[in-house]
PDB file of N, CA and C in Angstrom:
ATOM      1  N   UNK A   1       0.981  -0.685  -0.193  1.00  0.00           N
ATOM      2  CA  UNK A   1      -0.105  -0.182   0.091  1.00  0.00           C
ATOM      3  C   UNK A   1       0.895   1.322   0.472  1.00  0.00           C
ATOM      4  N   UNK A   2       0.587   2.253  -0.903  1.00  0.00           N
ATOM      5  CA  UNK A   2       1.281   3.653  -0.430  1.00  0.00           C
ATOM      6  C   UNK A   2       0.701   4.548  -0.199  1.00  0.00           C
ATOM      7  N   UNK A   3       1.737   4.877   1.149  1.00  0.00           N
ATOM      8  CA  UNK A   3       1.413   6.026   1.578  1.00  0.00           C
ATOM      9  C   UNK A   3       2.209   7.245   1.802  1.00  0.00           C
ATOM     10  N   UNK A   4       1.559   8.369   2.468  1.00  0.00           N
ATOM     11  CA  UNK A   4       2.474   9.670   2.314  1.00  0.00           C
ATOM     12  C   UNK A   4       2.672   9.807   3.639  1.00  0.00           C
ATOM     13  N   UNK A   5       4.145   9.951   4.389  1.00  0.00           N
ATOM     14  CA  UNK A   5       3.667  10.511   5.860  1.00  0.00           C
ATOM     15  C   UNK A   5       5.323  11.978   5.652  1.00  0.00           C
ATOM     16  N   UNK A   6       4.618  13.061   6.243  1.00  0.00           N
ATOM     17  CA  UNK A   6       5.437  14.134   6.761  1.00  0.00           C
ATOM     18  C   UNK A   6       6.569  13.533   7.990  1.00  0.00           C
ATOM     19  N   UNK A   7       7.894  13.080   7.451  1.00  0.00           N
ATOM     20  CA  UNK A   7       9.238  12.962   8.784  1.00  0.00           C
ATOM     21  C   UNK A   7      10.547  14.133   8.112  1.00  0.00           C
ATOM     22  N   UNK A   8      10.670  14.081   9.834  1.00  0.00           N
ATOM     23  CA  UNK A   8      12.219  15.259   9.354  1.00  0.00           C
ATOM     24  C   UNK A   8      12.990  14.821   8.235  1.00  0.00           C
ATOM     25  N   UNK A   9      13.728  16.038   7.546  1.00  0.00           N
ATOM     26  CA  UNK A   9      14.616  15.508   6.898  1.00  0.00           C
ATOM     27  C   UNK A   9      15.524  14.714   7.432  1.00  0.00           C
ATOM     28  N   UNK A  10      16.336  15.136   8.475  1.00  0.00           N
ATOM     29  CA  UNK A  10      17.293  14.385   8.928  1.00  0.00           C
ATOM     30  C   UNK A  10      17.020  13.143   9.386  1.00  0.00           C
ATOM     31  N   UNK A  11      15.781  12.842  10.192  1.00  0.00           N
ATOM     32  CA  UNK A  11      15.271  11.067  10.230  1.00  0.00           C
ATOM     33  C   UNK A  11      15.564  10.628   8.884  1.00  0.00           C
ATOM     34  N   UNK A  12      14.878  11.079   7.642  1.00  0.00           N
ATOM     35  CA  UNK A  12      14.803  10.812   6.332  1.00  0.00           C
ATOM     36  C   UNK A  12      16.231  10.249   5.707  1.00  0.00           C
ATOM     37  N   UNK A  13      17.138  11.007   6.224  1.00  0.00           N
ATOM     38  CA  UNK A  13      18.628  11.204   5.281  1.00  0.00           C
ATOM     39  C   UNK A  13      19.240   9.906   6.460  1.00  0.00           C
ATOM     40  N   UNK A  14      19.140   9.559   7.956  1.00  0.00           N
ATOM     41  CA  UNK A  14      19.531   9.077   8.600  1.00  0.00           C
ATOM     42  C   UNK A  14      19.316   7.338   8.294  1.00  0.00           C
ATOM     43  N   UNK A  15      17.735   7.346   8.138  1.00  0.00           N
ATOM     44  CA  UNK A  15      17.258   6.061   7.792  1.00  0.00           C
ATOM     45  C   UNK A  15      17.318   5.726   6.249  1.00  0.00           C
ATOM     46  N   UNK A  16      17.519   6.577   5.362  1.00  0.00           N
ATOM     47  CA  UNK A  16      18.809   6.013   4.279  1.00  0.00           C
ATOM     48  C   UNK A  16      19.798   5.625   4.329  1.00  0.00           C
ATOM     49  N   UNK A  17      20.792   6.534   4.929  1.00  0.00           N
ATOM     50  CA  UNK A  17      21.735   5.938   5.277  1.00  0.00           C
ATOM     51  C   UNK A  17      22.022   4.634   5.739  1.00  0.00           C
ATOM     52  N   UNK A  18      21.555   4.612   6.840  1.00  0.00           N
ATOM     53  CA  UNK A  18      21.108   2.875   7.273  1.00  0.00           C
ATOM     54  C   UNK A  18      20.854   1.833   6.347  1.00  0.00           C
ATOM     55  N   UNK A  19      19.893   2.263   5.610  1.00  0.00           N
ATOM     56  CA  UNK A  19      19.418   1.326   4.626  1.00  0.00           C
ATOM     57  C   UNK A  19      20.236   0.985   3.468  1.00  0.00           C
ATOM     58  N   UNK A  20      21.245   1.950   3.103  1.00  0.00           N
ATOM     59  CA  UNK A  20      22.268   1.614   2.080  1.00  0.00           C
ATOM     60  C   UNK A  20      23.458   0.854   2.655  1.00  0.00           C
ATOM     61  N   UNK A  21      23.629   1.157   4.093  1.00  0.00           N
ATOM     62  CA  UNK A  21      24.711   0.423   4.883  1.00  0.00           C
ATOM     63  C   UNK A  21      24.108  -0.954   4.939  1.00  0.00           C
ATOM     64  N   UNK A  22      23.086  -1.092   5.257  1.00  0.00           N
ATOM     65  CA  UNK A  22      22.730  -2.178   5.404  1.00  0.00           C
ATOM     66  C   UNK A  22      22.265  -3.313   4.284  1.00  0.00           C
ATOM     67  N   UNK A  23      22.434  -2.530   2.784  1.00  0.00           N
ATOM     68  CA  UNK A  23      21.593  -3.433   1.799  1.00  0.00           C
ATOM     69  C   UNK A  23      20.476  -3.668   1.638  1.00  0.00           C
ATOM     70  N   UNK A  24      19.415  -2.467   2.091  1.00  0.00           N
ATOM     71  CA  UNK A  24      18.505  -3.104   1.886  1.00  0.00           C
ATOM     72  C   UNK A  24      17.791  -1.778   1.532  1.00  0.00           C
ATOM     73  N   UNK A  25      16.253  -1.648   1.115  1.00  0.00           N
ATOM     74  CA  UNK A  25      15.774  -0.418   0.234  1.00  0.00           C
ATOM     75  C   UNK A  25      14.827   0.494   1.349  1.00  0.00           C
ATOM     76  N   UNK A  26      15.003   1.433   1.105  1.00  0.00           N
ATOM     77  CA  UNK A  26      14.358   2.427   2.533  1.00  0.00           C
ATOM     78  C   UNK A  26      13.099   1.623   2.909  1.00  0.00           C
ATOM     79  N   UNK A  27      12.256   1.684   1.698  1.00  0.00           N
ATOM     80  CA  UNK A  27      10.575   0.490   2.285  1.00  0.00           C
ATOM     81  C   UNK A  27      10.857  -0.225   3.274  1.00  0.00           C
ATOM     82  N   UNK A  28      12.006  -1.373   2.916  1.00  0.00           N
ATOM     83  CA  UNK A  28      12.590  -2.271   3.691  1.00  0.00           C
ATOM     84  C   UNK A  28      12.373  -2.208   5.062  1.00  0.00           C
ATOM     85  N   UNK A  29      13.614  -0.739   5.003  1.00  0.00           N
ATOM     86  CA  UNK A  29      14.252  -0.787   6.422  1.00  0.00           C
ATOM     87  C   UNK A  29      12.774   0.024   6.913  1.00  0.00           C
ATOM     88  N   UNK A  30      11.654   0.939   6.892  1.00  0.00           N
ATOM     89  CA  UNK A  30      10.833   1.319   7.453  1.00  0.00           C
ATOM     90  C   UNK A  30       9.931   0.718   7.710  1.00  0.00           C
ATOM     91  N   UNK A  31       9.590  -0.285   6.728  1.00  0.00           N
ATOM     92  CA  UNK A  31       8.319  -1.148   7.017  1.00  0.00           C
ATOM     93  C   UNK A  31       8.800  -2.201   8.299  1.00  0.00           C
ATOM     94  N   UNK A  32      10.070  -2.550   8.467  1.00  0.00           N
ATOM     95  CA  UNK A  32      10.587  -3.094   9.801  1.00  0.00           C
ATOM     96  C   UNK A  32      10.498  -2.363  10.692  1.00  0.00           C
ATOM     97  N   UNK A  33      10.930  -1.395  10.967  1.00  0.00           N
ATOM     98  CA  UNK A  33      10.938  -0.630  12.133  1.00  0.00           C
ATOM     99  C   UNK A  33       9.759  -0.049  12.573  1.00  0.00           C
ATOM    100  N   UNK A  34       8.379  -0.164  11.397  1.00  0.00           N
ATOM    101  CA  UNK A  34       7.425  -0.097  12.011  1.00  0.00           C
ATOM    102  C   UNK A  34       6.750  -1.378  12.796  1.00  0.00           C
ATOM    103  N   UNK A  35       6.893  -2.229  11.743  1.00  0.00           N
ATOM    104  CA  UNK A  35       6.722  -3.721  12.377  1.00  0.00           C
ATOM    105  C   UNK A  35       7.131  -3.963  13.915  1.00  0.00           C
ATOM    106  N   UNK A  36       8.669  -3.517  14.282  1.00  0.00           N
ATOM    107  CA  UNK A  36       8.858  -3.924  15.617  1.00  0.00           C
ATOM    108  C   UNK A  36       8.507  -2.942  16.556  1.00  0.00           C
ATOM    109  N   UNK A  37       8.042  -1.467  16.085  1.00  0.00           N
ATOM    110  CA  UNK A  37       7.514  -0.528  17.140  1.00  0.00           C
ATOM    111  C   UNK A  37       6.045  -1.126  17.348  1.00  0.00           C
ATOM    112  N   UNK A  38       5.467  -1.606  16.667  1.00  0.00           N
ATOM    113  CA  UNK A  38       4.560  -2.745  16.805  1.00  0.00           C
ATOM    114  C   UNK A  38       4.179  -3.648  17.859  1.00  0.00           C
ATOM    115  N   UNK A  39       5.143  -4.639  17.363  1.00  0.00           N
ATOM    116  CA  UNK A  39       5.476  -5.354  18.442  1.00  0.00           C
ATOM    117  C   UNK A  39       6.168  -5.222  19.619  1.00  0.00           C
ATOM    118  N   UNK A  40       6.560  -4.054  19.557  1.00  0.00           N
ATOM    119  CA  UNK A  40       7.015  -4.083  21.195  1.00  0.00           C
ATOM    120  C   UNK A  40       5.467  -2.923  21.787  1.00  0.00           C
ATOM    121  N   UNK A  41       4.974  -2.625  21.175  1.00  0.00           N
ATOM    122  CA  UNK A  41       3.678  -1.895  21.783  1.00  0.00           C
ATOM    123  C   UNK A  41       3.195  -2.963  22.425  1.00  0.00           C
ATOM    124  N   UNK A  42       2.774  -4.355  21.480  1.00  0.00           N
ATOM    125  CA  UNK A  42       2.194  -5.076  21.982  1.00  0.00           C
ATOM    126  C   UNK A  42       2.523  -6.150  23.121  1.00  0.00           C
ATOM    127  N   UNK A  43       3.876  -5.958  23.185  1.00  0.00           N
ATOM    128  CA  UNK A  43       4.209  -6.468  24.624  1.00  0.00           C
ATOM    129  C   UNK A  43       4.394  -5.649  25.366  1.00  0.00           C
ATOM    130  N   UNK A  44       4.700  -4.466  25.545  1.00  0.00           N
ATOM    131  CA  UNK A  44       4.180  -3.763  26.344  1.00  0.00           C
ATOM    132  C   UNK A  44       2.755  -3.553  26.964  1.00  0.00           C
ATOM    133  N   UNK A  45       1.948  -3.800  26.110  1.00  0.00           N
ATOM    134  CA  UNK A  45       0.654  -3.802  26.481  1.00  0.00           C
ATOM    135  C   UNK A  45       0.134  -5.469  27.510  1.00  0.00           C
ATOM    136  N   UNK A  46       1.261  -6.366  26.401  1.00  0.00           N
ATOM    137  CA  UNK A  46       0.887  -7.913  27.541  1.00  0.00           C
ATOM    138  C   UNK A  46       1.761  -7.409  28.489  1.00  0.00           C
ATOM    139  N   UNK A  47       3.074  -7.311  28.924  1.00  0.00           N
ATOM    140  CA  UNK A  47       3.210  -7.073  30.102  1.00  0.00           C
ATOM    141  C   UNK A  47       2.459  -5.975  31.424  1.00  0.00           C
ATOM    142  N   UNK A  48       1.814  -4.913  30.547  1.00  0.00           N
ATOM    143  CA  UNK A  48       1.108  -4.563  31.672  1.00  0.00           C
ATOM    144  C   UNK A  48      -0.349  -4.939  32.285  1.00  0.00           C
ATOM    145  N   UNK A  49      -0.444  -6.143  31.328  1.00  0.00           N
ATOM    146  CA  UNK A  49      -1.676  -6.955  31.801  1.00  0.00           C
ATOM    147  C   UNK A  49      -1.220  -7.853  32.721  1.00  0.00           C
ATOM    148  N   UNK A  50       0.104  -8.350  33.035  1.00  0.00           N
ATOM    149  CA  UNK A  50       0.660  -9.010  33.996  1.00  0.00           C
ATOM    150  C   UNK A  50       1.063  -8.308  34.942  1.00  0.00           C
ATOM    151  N   UNK A  51       0.606  -7.647  35.887  1.00  0.00           N
ATOM    152  CA  UNK A  51       1.325  -6.770  37.216  1.00  0.00           C
ATOM    153  C   UNK A  51       2.174  -7.797  38.336  1.00  0.00           C
ATOM    154  N   UNK A  52       1.945  -8.738  38.016  1.00  0.00           N
ATOM    155  CA  UNK A  52       2.528  -9.841  39.368  1.00  0.00           C
ATOM    156  C   UNK A  52       4.055  -9.430  38.675  1.00  0.00           C
ATOM    157  N   UNK A  53       4.154  -9.599  37.325  1.00  0.00           N
ATOM    158  CA  UNK A  53       6.268  -9.689  36.678  1.00  0.00           C
ATOM    159  C   UNK A  53       6.079  -8.927  36.354  1.00  0.00           C
ATOM    160  N   UNK A  54       5.602  -7.470  36.595  1.00  0.00           N
ATOM    161  CA  UNK A  54       6.033  -6.463  35.606  1.00  0.00           C
ATOM    162  C   UNK A  54       6.944  -5.520  36.549  1.00  0.00           C
ATOM    163  N   UNK A  55       7.693  -4.552  35.954  1.00  0.00           N
ATOM    164  CA  UNK A  55       8.984  -3.923  36.819  1.00  0.00           C
ATOM    165  C   UNK A  55       8.110  -2.316  36.853  1.00  0.00           C
ATOM    166  N   UNK A  56       7.866  -2.060  38.310  1.00  0.00           N
ATOM    167  CA  UNK A  56       7.282  -0.929  38.096  1.00  0.00           C
ATOM    168  C   UNK A  56       8.377   0.310  38.498  1.00  0.00           C
ATOM    169  N   UNK A  57       8.142   1.631  38.262  1.00  0.00           N
ATOM    170  CA  UNK A  57       8.926   2.806  38.775  1.00  0.00           C
ATOM    171  C   UNK A  57       8.106   3.431  40.027  1.00  0.00           C
ATOM    172  N   UNK A  58       9.573   3.456  40.891  1.00  0.00           N
ATOM    173  CA  UNK A  58       9.324   3.873  42.112  1.00  0.00           C
ATOM    174  C   UNK A  58       9.300   5.492  42.199  1.00  0.00           C
ATOM    175  N   UNK A  59       8.755   6.384  43.012  1.00  0.00           N
ATOM    176  CA  UNK A  59       8.597   7.917  43.162  1.00  0.00           C
ATOM    177  C   UNK A  59      10.056   8.384  42.778  1.00  0.00           C
ATOM    178  N   UNK A  60      11.556   7.767  43.085  1.00  0.00           N
ATOM    179  CA  UNK A  60      12.237   8.395  42.944  1.00  0.00           C
ATOM    180  C   UNK A  60      13.021   7.677  41.577  1.00  0.00           C
ATOM    181  N   UNK A  61      12.443   7.337  40.627  1.00  0.00           N
ATOM    182  CA  UNK A  61      12.512   6.720  39.259  1.00  0.00           C
ATOM    183  C   UNK A  61      13.715   5.622  39.367  1.00  0.00           C
ATOM    184  N   UNK A  62      13.683   5.022  40.686  1.00  0.00           N
ATOM    185  CA  UNK A  62      14.215   3.582  40.608  1.00  0.00           C
ATOM    186  C   UNK A  62      13.417   2.232  40.063  1.00  0.00           C
ATOM    187  N   UNK A  63      13.655   1.403  39.513  1.00  0.00           N
ATOM    188  CA  UNK A  63      12.815   0.125  39.047  1.00  0.00           C
ATOM    189  C   UNK A  63      12.879  -0.593  40.255  1.00  0.00           C
ATOM    190  N   UNK A  64      11.428  -1.337  40.123  1.00  0.00           N
ATOM    191  CA  UNK A  64      10.903  -1.951  41.438  1.00  0.00           C
ATOM    192  C   UNK A  64      10.644  -3.591  41.085  1.00  0.00           C
ATOM    193  N   UNK A  65      11.789  -4.132  41.147  1.00  0.00           N
ATOM    194  CA  UNK A  65      11.490  -5.776  40.576  1.00  0.00           C
ATOM    195  C   UNK A  65      10.850  -6.481  41.304  1.00  0.00           C
ATOM    196  N   UNK A  66       9.568  -7.446  41.384  1.00  0.00           N
ATOM    197  CA  UNK A  66       8.913  -7.791  42.436  1.00  0.00           C
ATOM    198  C   UNK A  66       9.452  -9.226  42.434  1.00  0.00           C
ATOM    199  N   UNK A  67       9.820  -9.779  43.519  1.00  0.00           N
ATOM    200  CA  UNK A  67      10.513 -10.905  44.005  1.00  0.00           C
ATOM    201  C   UNK A  67       9.119 -12.121  44.059  1.00  0.00           C
ATOM    202  N   UNK A  68       9.405 -13.123  43.944  1.00  0.00           N
ATOM    203  CA  UNK A  68       8.804 -14.504  43.933  1.00  0.00           C
ATOM    204  C   UNK A  68       9.266 -14.872  45.087  1.00  0.00           C
ATOM    205  N   UNK A  69       7.775 -16.137  45.958  1.00  0.00           N
ATOM    206  CA  UNK A  69       8.148 -16.465  46.944  1.00  0.00           C
ATOM    207  C   UNK A  69       8.986 -17.817  46.757  1.00  0.00           C
ATOM    208  N   UNK A  70      10.052 -17.904  47.758  1.00  0.00           N
ATOM    209  CA  UNK A  70      11.215 -18.630  47.478  1.00  0.00           C
ATOM    210  C   UNK A  70      12.394 -18.131  46.906  1.00  0.00           C
ATOM    211  N   UNK A  71      12.560 -16.869  46.059  1.00  0.00           N
ATOM    212  CA  UNK A  71      13.632 -16.396  45.867  1.00  0.00           C
ATOM    213  C   UNK A  71      14.781 -15.633  46.921  1.00  0.00           C
ATOM    214  N   UNK A  72      15.838 -15.853  46.693  1.00  0.00           N
ATOM    215  CA  UNK A  72      16.764 -15.533  47.669  1.00  0.00           C
ATOM    216  C   UNK A  72      16.820 -13.973  47.572  1.00  0.00           C
ATOM    217  N   UNK A  73      17.037 -13.612  48.820  1.00  0.00           N
ATOM    218  CA  UNK A  73      17.112 -12.072  49.062  1.00  0.00           C
ATOM    219  C   UNK A  73      18.380 -11.219  48.214  1.00  0.00           C
ATOM    220  N   UNK A  74      17.898 -10.092  47.904  1.00  0.00           N
ATOM    221  CA  UNK A  74      19.188  -9.608  47.136  1.00  0.00           C
ATOM    222  C   UNK A  74      20.478  -9.444  47.820  1.00  0.00           C
ATOM    223  N   UNK A  75      21.584  -9.032  47.186  1.00  0.00           N
ATOM    224  CA  UNK A  75      23.093  -9.075  48.079  1.00  0.00           C
ATOM    225  C   UNK A  75      22.713  -7.316  48.873  1.00  0.00           C
ATOM    226  N   UNK A  76      22.962  -7.327  49.940  1.00  0.00           N
ATOM    227  CA  UNK A  76      22.763  -6.217  50.563  1.00  0.00           C
ATOM    228  C   UNK A  76      24.321  -5.089  50.293  1.00  0.00           C
ATOM    229  N   UNK A  77      25.523  -5.947  50.147  1.00  0.00           N
ATOM    230  CA  UNK A  77      26.488  -4.781  50.284  1.00  0.00           C
ATOM    231  C   UNK A  77      27.060  -4.449  49.051  1.00  0.00           C
ATOM    232  N   UNK A  78      27.872  -3.246  48.720  1.00  0.00           N
ATOM    233  CA  UNK A  78      28.010  -3.253  47.650  1.00  0.00           C
ATOM    234  C   UNK A  78      29.410  -3.832  46.822  1.00  0.00           C
ATOM    235  N   UNK A  79      29.961  -4.642  47.589  1.00  0.00           N
ATOM    236  CA  UNK A  79      30.937  -5.459  47.084  1.00  0.00           C
ATOM    237  C   UNK A  79      30.353  -6.963  46.483  1.00  0.00           C
ATOM    238  N   UNK A  80      29.442  -7.091  46.960  1.00  0.00           N
ATOM    239  CA  UNK A  80      28.057  -8.450  46.456  1.00  0.00           C
ATOM    240  C   UNK A  80      27.031  -7.636  45.194  1.00  0.00           C
ATOM    241  N   UNK A  81      26.923  -6.552  45.177  1.00  0.00           N
ATOM    242  CA  UNK A  81      26.525  -6.185  44.231  1.00  0.00           C
ATOM    243  C   UNK A  81      27.352  -5.786  42.711  1.00  0.00           C
ATOM    244  N   UNK A  82      28.402  -5.275  43.354  1.00  0.00           N
ATOM    245  CA  UNK A  82      29.363  -5.700  41.947  1.00  0.00           C
ATOM    246  C   UNK A  82      30.225  -7.033  41.508  1.00  0.00           C
ATOM    247  N   UNK A  83      30.082  -7.703  42.406  1.00  0.00           N
ATOM    248  CA  UNK A  83      30.620  -8.750  41.786  1.00  0.00           C
ATOM    249  C   UNK A  83      29.327  -9.735  40.987  1.00  0.00           C
ATOM    250  N   UNK A  84      28.352  -9.239  41.469  1.00  0.00           N
ATOM    251  CA  UNK A  84      26.882  -9.349  40.562  1.00  0.00           C
ATOM    252  C   UNK A  84      26.422  -9.143  39.207  1.00  0.00           C
ATOM    253  N   UNK A  85      26.986  -7.423  39.226  1.00  0.00           N
ATOM    254  CA  UNK A  85      27.539  -6.910  37.865  1.00  0.00           C
ATOM    255  C   UNK A  85      28.377  -7.440  37.081  1.00  0.00           C
ATOM    256  N   UNK A  86      29.411  -7.616  37.970  1.00  0.00           N
ATOM    257  CA  UNK A  86      30.629  -8.188  36.765  1.00  0.00           C
ATOM    258  C   UNK A  86      30.495  -9.547  36.392  1.00  0.00           C
ATOM    259  N   UNK A  87      29.901 -10.447  36.976  1.00  0.00           N
ATOM    260  CA  UNK A  87      29.548 -11.738  36.663  1.00  0.00           C
ATOM    261  C   UNK A  87      28.488 -11.637  35.202  1.00  0.00           C
ATOM    262  N   UNK A  88      27.343 -10.811  35.675  1.00  0.00           N
ATOM    263  CA  UNK A  88      26.531 -10.746  34.608  1.00  0.00           C
ATOM    264  C   UNK A  88      27.044 -10.321  33.181  1.00  0.00           C
ATOM    265  N   UNK A  89      27.925  -9.145  33.389  1.00  0.00           N
ATOM    266  CA  UNK A  89      28.693  -8.872  31.986  1.00  0.00           C
ATOM    267  C   UNK A  89      30.163  -9.849  31.486  1.00  0.00           C
ATOM    268  N   UNK A  90      30.280 -10.246  32.565  1.00  0.00           N
ATOM    269  CA  UNK A  90      31.277 -11.392  31.796  1.00  0.00           C
ATOM    270  C   UNK A  90      30.044 -12.418  31.054  1.00  0.00           C
ATOM    271  N   UNK A  91      29.327 -12.763  31.691  1.00  0.00           N
ATOM    272  CA  UNK A  91      28.600 -14.195  30.937  1.00  0.00           C
ATOM    273  C   UNK A  91      27.536 -13.094  29.616  1.00  0.00           C
ATOM    274  N   UNK A  92      27.295 -11.922  29.884  1.00  0.00           N
ATOM    275  CA  UNK A  92      27.090 -11.608  28.330  1.00  0.00           C
ATOM    276  C   UNK A  92      28.271 -11.630  27.445  1.00  0.00           C
ATOM    277  N   UNK A  93      29.326 -10.937  27.949  1.00  0.00           N
ATOM    278  CA  UNK A  93      30.404 -10.916  27.049  1.00  0.00           C
ATOM    279  C   UNK A  93      30.081 -12.155  25.904  1.00  0.00           C
ATOM    280  N   UNK A  94      30.566 -13.532  26.973  1.00  0.00           N
ATOM    281  CA  UNK A  94      30.898 -14.881  26.698  1.00  0.00           C
ATOM    282  C   UNK A  94      29.737 -15.303  25.649  1.00  0.00           C
ATOM    283  N   UNK A  95      28.798 -14.880  26.235  1.00  0.00           N
ATOM    284  CA  UNK A  95      27.458 -15.113  25.237  1.00  0.00           C
ATOM    285  C   UNK A  95      27.613 -14.928  23.588  1.00  0.00           C
ATOM    286  N   UNK A  96      27.967 -13.385  23.647  1.00  0.00           N
ATOM    287  CA  UNK A  96      28.408 -12.859  22.269  1.00  0.00           C
ATOM    288  C   UNK A  96      29.257 -13.286  21.413  1.00  0.00           C
ATOM    289  N   UNK A  97      30.187 -13.716  22.454  1.00  0.00           N
ATOM    290  CA  UNK A  97      31.552 -14.018  21.513  1.00  0.00           C
ATOM    291  C   UNK A  97      30.917 -15.669  21.066  1.00  0.00           C
ATOM    292  N   UNK A  98      29.951 -16.067  21.184  1.00  0.00           N
ATOM    293  CA  UNK A  98      29.780 -17.519  20.727  1.00  0.00           C
ATOM    294  C   UNK A  98      30.583 -18.740  22.250  1.00  0.00           C
ATOM    295  N   UNK A  99      30.838 -17.940  23.166  1.00  0.00           N
ATOM    296  CA  UNK A  99      31.740 -18.817  24.334  1.00  0.00           C
ATOM    297  C   UNK A  99      30.904 -19.813  25.253  1.00  0.00           C
ATOM    298  N   UNK A 100      29.563 -19.214  25.028  1.00  0.00           N
ATOM    299  CA  UNK A 100      28.683 -19.516  26.223  1.00  0.00           C
ATOM    300  C   UNK A 100      27.225 -19.384  25.450  1.00  0.00           C
ATOM    301  N   UNK A 101      26.449 -20.404  25.656  1.00  0.00           N
ATOM    302  CA  UNK A 101      25.299 -20.794  25.136  1.00  0.00           C
ATOM    303  C   UNK A 101      24.384 -20.170  26.151  1.00  0.00           C
TER     304      UNK A 101
END
């Protein structure tokens, strides 16, 4: 279907450059981004329907993660939190490098 939308010139230029860089047409790139946006909206709506597992934002802007019965308590000291972050980042790096599934 053909349609006309008015977009900022800077945005169109950036999208055209990205499409060229990825070896795709501008039309394919825009269609994929619209599709992704619609899927993300559907995911957000589904998550909003499941408040028991949804992350909420506190008044101070910090995320609140709900705990399940039987979850171990979160680490209380800074060293434990830093070690947890370091381990998570290392695991992510190994996964991206294909060294861990």
